[in-house]
Amino acid sequence: MNTFTLGERIQHASISATHLTVELADGRQISTPLAWYPRLAGASRAQLDQWQIIGDGEGLHWPLCDEDLSLAGMLRGERAPA
């Protein structure tokens, strides 16, 4: 069952040298350490810049890094497996 509300949808993402930040439809920003996601932490800037919103805003996908992250996991503070 999908329990997301309209506000809990990713509208945009940005990646700094240290953090992944997503902007949600309701105006909130969620920021997590890039170190939590080893595939992203080790990726080039060109790879990081090629992200896509998936599942109507429920997650992010990096095709060049073979990485998918869910907003639900980010909100729970889950790290990607090493």
PDB file of N, CA and C in Angstrom:
ATOM      1  N   MET A   1       0.836  -1.175   0.000  1.00  0.00           N
ATOM      2  CA  MET A   1       0.000   0.000   0.000  1.00  0.00           C
ATOM      3  C   MET A   1       0.883   1.241   0.000  1.00  0.00           C
ATOM      4  N   ASN A   2       0.521   2.212  -0.786  1.00  0.00           N
ATOM      5  CA  ASN A   2       1.257   3.456  -0.881  1.00  0.00           C
ATOM      6  C   ASN A   2       0.690   4.434   0.146  1.00  0.00           C
ATOM      7  N   THR A   3       1.537   4.899   1.054  1.00  0.00           N
ATOM      8  CA  THR A   3       1.089   5.821   2.095  1.00  0.00           C
ATOM      9  C   THR A   3       1.616   7.235   1.908  1.00  0.00           C
ATOM     10  N   PHE A   4       2.189   7.524   0.751  1.00  0.00           N
ATOM     11  CA  PHE A   4       2.711   8.857   0.488  1.00  0.00           C
ATOM     12  C   PHE A   4       1.569   9.832   0.250  1.00  0.00           C
ATOM     13  N   THR A   5       1.747  11.049   0.727  1.00  0.00           N
ATOM     14  CA  THR A   5       0.817  12.117   0.404  1.00  0.00           C
ATOM     15  C   THR A   5       1.423  12.939  -0.717  1.00  0.00           C
ATOM     16  N   LEU A   6       0.651  13.834  -1.265  1.00  0.00           N
ATOM     17  CA  LEU A   6       1.135  14.672  -2.354  1.00  0.00           C
ATOM     18  C   LEU A   6       2.381  15.454  -1.941  1.00  0.00           C
ATOM     19  N   GLY A   7       2.437  15.909  -0.695  1.00  0.00           N
ATOM     20  CA  GLY A   7       3.588  16.663  -0.218  1.00  0.00           C
ATOM     21  C   GLY A   7       4.840  15.835  -0.088  1.00  0.00           C
ATOM     22  N   GLU A   8       4.673  14.526   0.049  1.00  0.00           N
ATOM     23  CA  GLU A   8       5.823  13.639   0.209  1.00  0.00           C
ATOM     24  C   GLU A   8       6.247  13.065  -1.138  1.00  0.00           C
ATOM     25  N   ARG A   9       6.499  13.954  -2.054  1.00  0.00           N
ATOM     26  CA  ARG A   9       6.975  13.600  -3.388  1.00  0.00           C
ATOM     27  C   ARG A   9       8.194  14.453  -3.700  1.00  0.00           C
ATOM     28  N   ILE A  10       9.188  13.824  -4.281  1.00  0.00           N
ATOM     29  CA  ILE A  10      10.396  14.552  -4.671  1.00  0.00           C
ATOM     30  C   ILE A  10      10.100  15.386  -5.908  1.00  0.00           C
ATOM     31  N   GLN A  11      10.482  16.652  -5.845  1.00  0.00           N
ATOM     32  CA  GLN A  11      10.363  17.529  -7.003  1.00  0.00           C
ATOM     33  C   GLN A  11      11.717  17.836  -7.621  1.00  0.00           C
ATOM     34  N   HIS A  12      12.753  17.822  -6.802  1.00  0.00           N
ATOM     35  CA  HIS A  12      14.091  18.149  -7.294  1.00  0.00           C
ATOM     36  C   HIS A  12      15.122  17.542  -6.348  1.00  0.00           C
ATOM     37  N   ALA A  13      16.299  17.303  -6.870  1.00  0.00           N
ATOM     38  CA  ALA A  13      17.407  16.815  -6.057  1.00  0.00           C
ATOM     39  C   ALA A  13      18.671  17.570  -6.428  1.00  0.00           C
ATOM     40  N   SER A  14      19.567  17.699  -5.463  1.00  0.00           N
ATOM     41  CA  SER A  14      20.876  18.292  -5.716  1.00  0.00           C
ATOM     42  C   SER A  14      21.899  17.550  -4.873  1.00  0.00           C
ATOM     43  N   ILE A  15      23.118  17.532  -5.382  1.00  0.00           N
ATOM     44  CA  ILE A  15      24.184  16.806  -4.696  1.00  0.00           C
ATOM     45  C   ILE A  15      25.390  17.726  -4.565  1.00  0.00           C
ATOM     46  N   SER A  16      25.809  17.915  -3.316  1.00  0.00           N
ATOM     47  CA  SER A  16      27.039  18.670  -3.064  1.00  0.00           C
ATOM     48  C   SER A  16      28.164  17.665  -2.861  1.00  0.00           C
ATOM     49  N   ALA A  17      29.315  18.132  -2.481  1.00  0.00           N
ATOM     50  CA  ALA A  17      30.442  17.240  -2.218  1.00  0.00           C
ATOM     51  C   ALA A  17      30.175  16.343  -1.007  1.00  0.00           C
ATOM     52  N   THR A  18      29.233  16.747  -0.144  1.00  0.00           N
ATOM     53  CA  THR A  18      29.018  15.997   1.095  1.00  0.00           C
ATOM     54  C   THR A  18      27.585  15.520   1.336  1.00  0.00           C
ATOM     55  N   HIS A  19      26.592  16.081   0.620  1.00  0.00           N
ATOM     56  CA  HIS A  19      25.197  15.771   0.921  1.00  0.00           C
ATOM     57  C   HIS A  19      24.321  15.615  -0.320  1.00  0.00           C
ATOM     58  N   LEU A  20      23.305  14.772  -0.176  1.00  0.00           N
ATOM     59  CA  LEU A  20      22.211  14.661  -1.134  1.00  0.00           C
ATOM     60  C   LEU A  20      21.029  15.398  -0.520  1.00  0.00           C
ATOM     61  N   THR A  21      20.474  16.330  -1.245  1.00  0.00           N
ATOM     62  CA  THR A  21      19.333  17.105  -0.762  1.00  0.00           C
ATOM     63  C   THR A  21      18.192  16.959  -1.751  1.00  0.00           C
ATOM     64  N   VAL A  22      17.016  16.626  -1.224  1.00  0.00           N
ATOM     65  CA  VAL A  22      15.830  16.558  -2.073  1.00  0.00           C
ATOM     66  C   VAL A  22      14.837  17.608  -1.615  1.00  0.00           C
ATOM     67  N   GLU A  23      14.173  18.209  -2.585  1.00  0.00           N
ATOM     68  CA  GLU A  23      13.119  19.174  -2.314  1.00  0.00           C
ATOM     69  C   GLU A  23      11.793  18.477  -2.555  1.00  0.00           C
ATOM     70  N   LEU A  24      10.895  18.561  -1.573  1.00  0.00           N
ATOM     71  CA  LEU A  24       9.606  17.903  -1.665  1.00  0.00           C
ATOM     72  C   LEU A  24       8.534  18.860  -2.168  1.00  0.00           C
ATOM     73  N   ALA A  25       7.442  18.300  -2.631  1.00  0.00           N
ATOM     74  CA  ALA A  25       6.356  19.093  -3.205  1.00  0.00           C
ATOM     75  C   ALA A  25       5.777  20.084  -2.208  1.00  0.00           C
ATOM     76  N   ASP A  26       5.848  19.772  -0.916  1.00  0.00           N
ATOM     77  CA  ASP A  26       5.269  20.674   0.090  1.00  0.00           C
ATOM     78  C   ASP A  26       6.256  21.727   0.581  1.00  0.00           C
ATOM     79  N   GLY A  27       7.434  21.795  -0.031  1.00  0.00           N
ATOM     80  CA  GLY A  27       8.406  22.820   0.312  1.00  0.00           C
ATOM     81  C   GLY A  27       9.509  22.379   1.252  1.00  0.00           C
ATOM     82  N   ARG A  28       9.376  21.208   1.861  1.00  0.00           N
ATOM     83  CA  ARG A  28      10.442  20.723   2.749  1.00  0.00           C
ATOM     84  C   ARG A  28      11.667  20.314   1.949  1.00  0.00           C
ATOM     85  N   GLN A  29      12.816  20.360   2.617  1.00  0.00           N
ATOM     86  CA  GLN A  29      14.059  19.842   2.071  1.00  0.00           C
ATOM     87  C   GLN A  29      14.584  18.788   3.030  1.00  0.00           C
ATOM     88  N   ILE A  30      14.997  17.652   2.483  1.00  0.00           N
ATOM     89  CA  ILE A  30      15.579  16.571   3.263  1.00  0.00           C
ATOM     90  C   ILE A  30      17.018  16.412   2.785  1.00  0.00           C
ATOM     91  N   SER A  31      17.954  16.424   3.699  1.00  0.00           N
ATOM     92  CA  SER A  31      19.365  16.314   3.347  1.00  0.00           C
ATOM     93  C   SER A  31      19.983  15.149   4.104  1.00  0.00           C
ATOM     94  N   THR A  32      20.704  14.308   3.377  1.00  0.00           N
ATOM     95  CA  THR A  32      21.382  13.160   3.983  1.00  0.00           C
ATOM     96  C   THR A  32      22.842  13.155   3.539  1.00  0.00           C
ATOM     97  N   PRO A  33      23.728  12.616   4.366  1.00  0.00           N
ATOM     98  CA  PRO A  33      25.144  12.570   3.997  1.00  0.00           C
ATOM     99  C   PRO A  33      25.373  11.692   2.772  1.00  0.00           C
ATOM    100  N   LEU A  34      26.132  12.180   1.830  1.00  0.00           N
ATOM    101  CA  LEU A  34      26.455  11.406   0.642  1.00  0.00           C
ATOM    102  C   LEU A  34      27.212  10.130   1.012  1.00  0.00           C
ATOM    103  N   ALA A  35      27.947  10.154   2.100  1.00  0.00           N
ATOM    104  CA  ALA A  35      28.701   8.979   2.555  1.00  0.00           C
ATOM    105  C   ALA A  35      27.779   7.802   2.874  1.00  0.00           C
ATOM    106  N   TRP A  36      26.497   8.045   3.097  1.00  0.00           N
ATOM    107  CA  TRP A  36      25.537   6.965   3.354  1.00  0.00           C
ATOM    108  C   TRP A  36      25.289   6.116   2.116  1.00  0.00           C
ATOM    109  N   TYR A  37      25.664   6.622   0.951  1.00  0.00           N
ATOM    110  CA  TYR A  37      25.380   5.955  -0.314  1.00  0.00           C
ATOM    111  C   TYR A  37      26.698   5.725  -1.062  1.00  0.00           C
ATOM    112  N   PRO A  38      27.377   4.602  -0.793  1.00  0.00           N
ATOM    113  CA  PRO A  38      28.719   4.373  -1.348  1.00  0.00           C
ATOM    114  C   PRO A  38      28.812   4.506  -2.869  1.00  0.00           C
ATOM    115  N   ARG A  39      27.811   4.044  -3.591  1.00  0.00           N
ATOM    116  CA  ARG A  39      27.872   4.154  -5.055  1.00  0.00           C
ATOM    117  C   ARG A  39      27.870   5.611  -5.495  1.00  0.00           C
ATOM    118  N   LEU A  40      27.138   6.434  -4.789  1.00  0.00           N
ATOM    119  CA  LEU A  40      27.103   7.855  -5.140  1.00  0.00           C
ATOM    120  C   LEU A  40      28.354   8.565  -4.651  1.00  0.00           C
ATOM    121  N   ALA A  41      28.815   8.209  -3.462  1.00  0.00           N
ATOM    122  CA  ALA A  41      30.002   8.863  -2.892  1.00  0.00           C
ATOM    123  C   ALA A  41      31.236   8.640  -3.764  1.00  0.00           C
ATOM    124  N   GLY A  42      31.287   7.504  -4.460  1.00  0.00           N
ATOM    125  CA  GLY A  42      32.434   7.200  -5.308  1.00  0.00           C
ATOM    126  C   GLY A  42      32.241   7.563  -6.768  1.00  0.00           C
ATOM    127  N   ALA A  43      31.134   8.202  -7.101  1.00  0.00           N
ATOM    128  CA  ALA A  43      30.820   8.515  -8.494  1.00  0.00           C
ATOM    129  C   ALA A  43      31.420   9.850  -8.923  1.00  0.00           C
ATOM    130  N   SER A  44      31.565   9.996 -10.212  1.00  0.00           N
ATOM    131  CA  SER A  44      32.048  11.265 -10.771  1.00  0.00           C
ATOM    132  C   SER A  44      30.906  12.280 -10.791  1.00  0.00           C
ATOM    133  N   ARG A  45      31.249  13.535 -10.952  1.00  0.00           N
ATOM    134  CA  ARG A  45      30.232  14.591 -11.045  1.00  0.00           C
ATOM    135  C   ARG A  45      29.302  14.321 -12.225  1.00  0.00           C
ATOM    136  N   ALA A  46      29.854  13.872 -13.359  1.00  0.00           N
ATOM    137  CA  ALA A  46      29.024  13.576 -14.533  1.00  0.00           C
ATOM    138  C   ALA A  46      28.019  12.463 -14.223  1.00  0.00           C
ATOM    139  N   GLN A  47      28.441  11.448 -13.486  1.00  0.00           N
ATOM    140  CA  GLN A  47      27.527  10.363 -13.106  1.00  0.00           C
ATOM    141  C   GLN A  47      26.452  10.865 -12.140  1.00  0.00           C
ATOM    142  N   LEU A  48      26.855  11.677 -11.185  1.00  0.00           N
ATOM    143  CA  LEU A  48      25.905  12.188 -10.192  1.00  0.00           C
ATOM    144  C   LEU A  48      24.856  13.101 -10.815  1.00  0.00           C
ATOM    145  N   ASP A  49      25.239  13.824 -11.837  1.00  0.00           N
ATOM    146  CA  ASP A  49      24.324  14.770 -12.462  1.00  0.00           C
ATOM    147  C   ASP A  49      23.255  14.102 -13.323  1.00  0.00           C
ATOM    148  N   GLN A  50      23.385  12.815 -13.573  1.00  0.00           N
ATOM    149  CA  GLN A  50      22.433  12.082 -14.411  1.00  0.00           C
ATOM    150  C   GLN A  50      21.423  11.322 -13.547  1.00  0.00           C
ATOM    151  N   TRP A  51      20.634  12.031 -12.764  1.00  0.00           N
ATOM    152  CA  TRP A  51      19.626  11.408 -11.915  1.00  0.00           C
ATOM    153  C   TRP A  51      18.243  11.609 -12.511  1.00  0.00           C
ATOM    154  N   GLN A  52      17.313  10.737 -12.095  1.00  0.00           N
ATOM    155  CA  GLN A  52      15.926  10.813 -12.555  1.00  0.00           C
ATOM    156  C   GLN A  52      15.006  10.617 -11.360  1.00  0.00           C
ATOM    157  N   ILE A  53      13.889  11.313 -11.356  1.00  0.00           N
ATOM    158  CA  ILE A  53      12.845  11.066 -10.371  1.00  0.00           C
ATOM    159  C   ILE A  53      12.052   9.862 -10.854  1.00  0.00           C
ATOM    160  N   ILE A  54      11.803   8.914  -9.956  1.00  0.00           N
ATOM    161  CA  ILE A  54      11.061   7.711 -10.328  1.00  0.00           C
ATOM    162  C   ILE A  54       9.838   7.544  -9.433  1.00  0.00           C
ATOM    163  N   GLY A  55       8.900   6.712  -9.891  1.00  0.00           N
ATOM    164  CA  GLY A  55       7.726   6.381  -9.090  1.00  0.00           C
ATOM    165  C   GLY A  55       6.881   7.574  -8.722  1.00  0.00           C
ATOM    166  N   ASP A  56       6.699   8.517  -9.626  1.00  0.00           N
ATOM    167  CA  ASP A  56       5.875   9.707  -9.356  1.00  0.00           C
ATOM    168  C   ASP A  56       6.383  10.485  -8.142  1.00  0.00           C
ATOM    169  N   GLY A  57       7.724  10.522  -7.998  1.00  0.00           N
ATOM    170  CA  GLY A  57       8.327  11.298  -6.917  1.00  0.00           C
ATOM    171  C   GLY A  57       8.656  10.510  -5.672  1.00  0.00           C
ATOM    172  N   GLU A  58       8.522   9.191  -5.732  1.00  0.00           N
ATOM    173  CA  GLU A  58       8.800   8.360  -4.558  1.00  0.00           C
ATOM    174  C   GLU A  58      10.265   7.964  -4.427  1.00  0.00           C
ATOM    175  N   GLY A  59      11.077   8.273  -5.426  1.00  0.00           N
ATOM    176  CA  GLY A  59      12.479   7.915  -5.342  1.00  0.00           C
ATOM    177  C   GLY A  59      13.316   8.571  -6.409  1.00  0.00           C
ATOM    178  N   LEU A  60      14.598   8.247  -6.384  1.00  0.00           N
ATOM    179  CA  LEU A  60      15.571   8.755  -7.344  1.00  0.00           C
ATOM    180  C   LEU A  60      16.341   7.598  -7.940  1.00  0.00           C
ATOM    181  N   HIS A  61      16.757   7.764  -9.195  1.00  0.00           N
ATOM    182  CA  HIS A  61      17.515   6.736  -9.898  1.00  0.00           C
ATOM    183  C   HIS A  61      18.699   7.390 -10.595  1.00  0.00           C
ATOM    184  N   TRP A  62      19.870   6.772 -10.449  1.00  0.00           N
ATOM    185  CA  TRP A  62      21.091   7.185 -11.141  1.00  0.00           C
ATOM    186  C   TRP A  62      21.479   6.051 -12.076  1.00  0.00           C
ATOM    187  N   PRO A  63      21.137   6.134 -13.367  1.00  0.00           N
ATOM    188  CA  PRO A  63      21.419   5.028 -14.284  1.00  0.00           C
ATOM    189  C   PRO A  63      22.912   4.743 -14.452  1.00  0.00           C
ATOM    190  N   LEU A  64      23.746   5.765 -14.402  1.00  0.00           N
ATOM    191  CA  LEU A  64      25.176   5.552 -14.589  1.00  0.00           C
ATOM    192  C   LEU A  64      25.865   4.983 -13.353  1.00  0.00           C
ATOM    193  N   CYS A  65      25.185   5.020 -12.214  1.00  0.00           N
ATOM    194  CA  CYS A  65      25.729   4.491 -10.960  1.00  0.00           C
ATOM    195  C   CYS A  65      25.009   3.208 -10.541  1.00  0.00           C
ATOM    196  N   ASP A  66      23.960   2.841 -11.256  1.00  0.00           N
ATOM    197  CA  ASP A  66      23.118   1.703 -10.900  1.00  0.00           C
ATOM    198  C   ASP A  66      22.632   1.827  -9.455  1.00  0.00           C
ATOM    199  N   GLU A  67      22.107   2.995  -9.122  1.00  0.00           N
ATOM    200  CA  GLU A  67      21.643   3.274  -7.754  1.00  0.00           C
ATOM    201  C   GLU A  67      20.215   3.797  -7.780  1.00  0.00           C
ATOM    202  N   ASP A  68      19.411   3.281  -6.872  1.00  0.00           N
ATOM    203  CA  ASP A  68      18.046   3.744  -6.648  1.00  0.00           C
ATOM    204  C   ASP A  68      17.889   4.030  -5.170  1.00  0.00           C
ATOM    205  N   LEU A  69      17.305   5.176  -4.846  1.00  0.00           N
ATOM    206  CA  LEU A  69      17.035   5.532  -3.455  1.00  0.00           C
ATOM    207  C   LEU A  69      15.569   5.911  -3.334  1.00  0.00           C
ATOM    208  N   SER A  70      14.943   5.474  -2.249  1.00  0.00           N
ATOM    209  CA  SER A  70      13.550   5.832  -2.018  1.00  0.00           C
ATOM    210  C   SER A  70      13.464   6.997  -1.038  1.00  0.00           C
ATOM    211  N   LEU A  71      12.463   7.822  -1.238  1.00  0.00           N
ATOM    212  CA  LEU A  71      12.214   8.900  -0.294  1.00  0.00           C
ATOM    213  C   LEU A  71      11.873   8.318   1.072  1.00  0.00           C
ATOM    214  N   ALA A  72      11.122   7.233   1.101  1.00  0.00           N
ATOM    215  CA  ALA A  72      10.767   6.601   2.374  1.00  0.00           C
ATOM    216  C   ALA A  72      12.026   6.220   3.149  1.00  0.00           C
ATOM    217  N   GLY A  73      13.008   5.658   2.471  1.00  0.00           N
ATOM    218  CA  GLY A  73      14.264   5.299   3.127  1.00  0.00           C
ATOM    219  C   GLY A  73      15.015   6.506   3.630  1.00  0.00           C
ATOM    220  N   MET A  74      15.020   7.561   2.844  1.00  0.00           N
ATOM    221  CA  MET A  74      15.685   8.793   3.283  1.00  0.00           C
ATOM    222  C   MET A  74      15.007   9.348   4.527  1.00  0.00           C
ATOM    223  N   LEU A  75      13.671   9.351   4.540  1.00  0.00           N
ATOM    224  CA  LEU A  75      12.934   9.874   5.692  1.00  0.00           C
ATOM    225  C   LEU A  75      13.170   9.022   6.943  1.00  0.00           C
ATOM    226  N   ARG A  76      13.423   7.731   6.754  1.00  0.00           N
ATOM    227  CA  ARG A  76      13.706   6.836   7.883  1.00  0.00           C
ATOM    228  C   ARG A  76      15.178   6.883   8.302  1.00  0.00           C
ATOM    229  N   GLY A  77      16.015   7.546   7.522  1.00  0.00           N
ATOM    230  CA  GLY A  77      17.443   7.623   7.837  1.00  0.00           C
ATOM    231  C   GLY A  77      18.195   6.357   7.489  1.00  0.00           C
ATOM    232  N   GLU A  78      17.730   5.637   6.480  1.00  0.00           N
ATOM    233  CA  GLU A  78      18.389   4.384   6.084  1.00  0.00           C
ATOM    234  C   GLU A  78      19.582   4.665   5.181  1.00  0.00           C
ATOM    235  N   ARG A  79      20.635   3.928   5.431  1.00  0.00           N
ATOM    236  CA  ARG A  79      21.837   4.000   4.606  1.00  0.00           C
ATOM    237  C   ARG A  79      21.800   2.872   3.572  1.00  0.00           C
ATOM    238  N   ALA A  80      22.435   3.085   2.438  1.00  0.00           N
ATOM    239  CA  ALA A  80      22.555   2.031   1.438  1.00  0.00           C
ATOM    240  C   ALA A  80      23.583   1.009   1.928  1.00  0.00           C
ATOM    241  N   PRO A  81      23.399  -0.266   1.566  1.00  0.00           N
ATOM    242  CA  PRO A  81      24.393  -1.271   1.967  1.00  0.00           C
ATOM    243  C   PRO A  81      25.758  -0.952   1.367  1.00  0.00           C
ATOM    244  N   ALA A  82      26.795  -1.269   2.108  1.00  0.00           N
ATOM    245  CA  ALA A  82      28.164  -1.008   1.638  1.00  0.00           C
ATOM    246  C   ALA A  82      28.550  -1.989   0.566  1.00  0.00           C
TER     247      ALA A  82
END
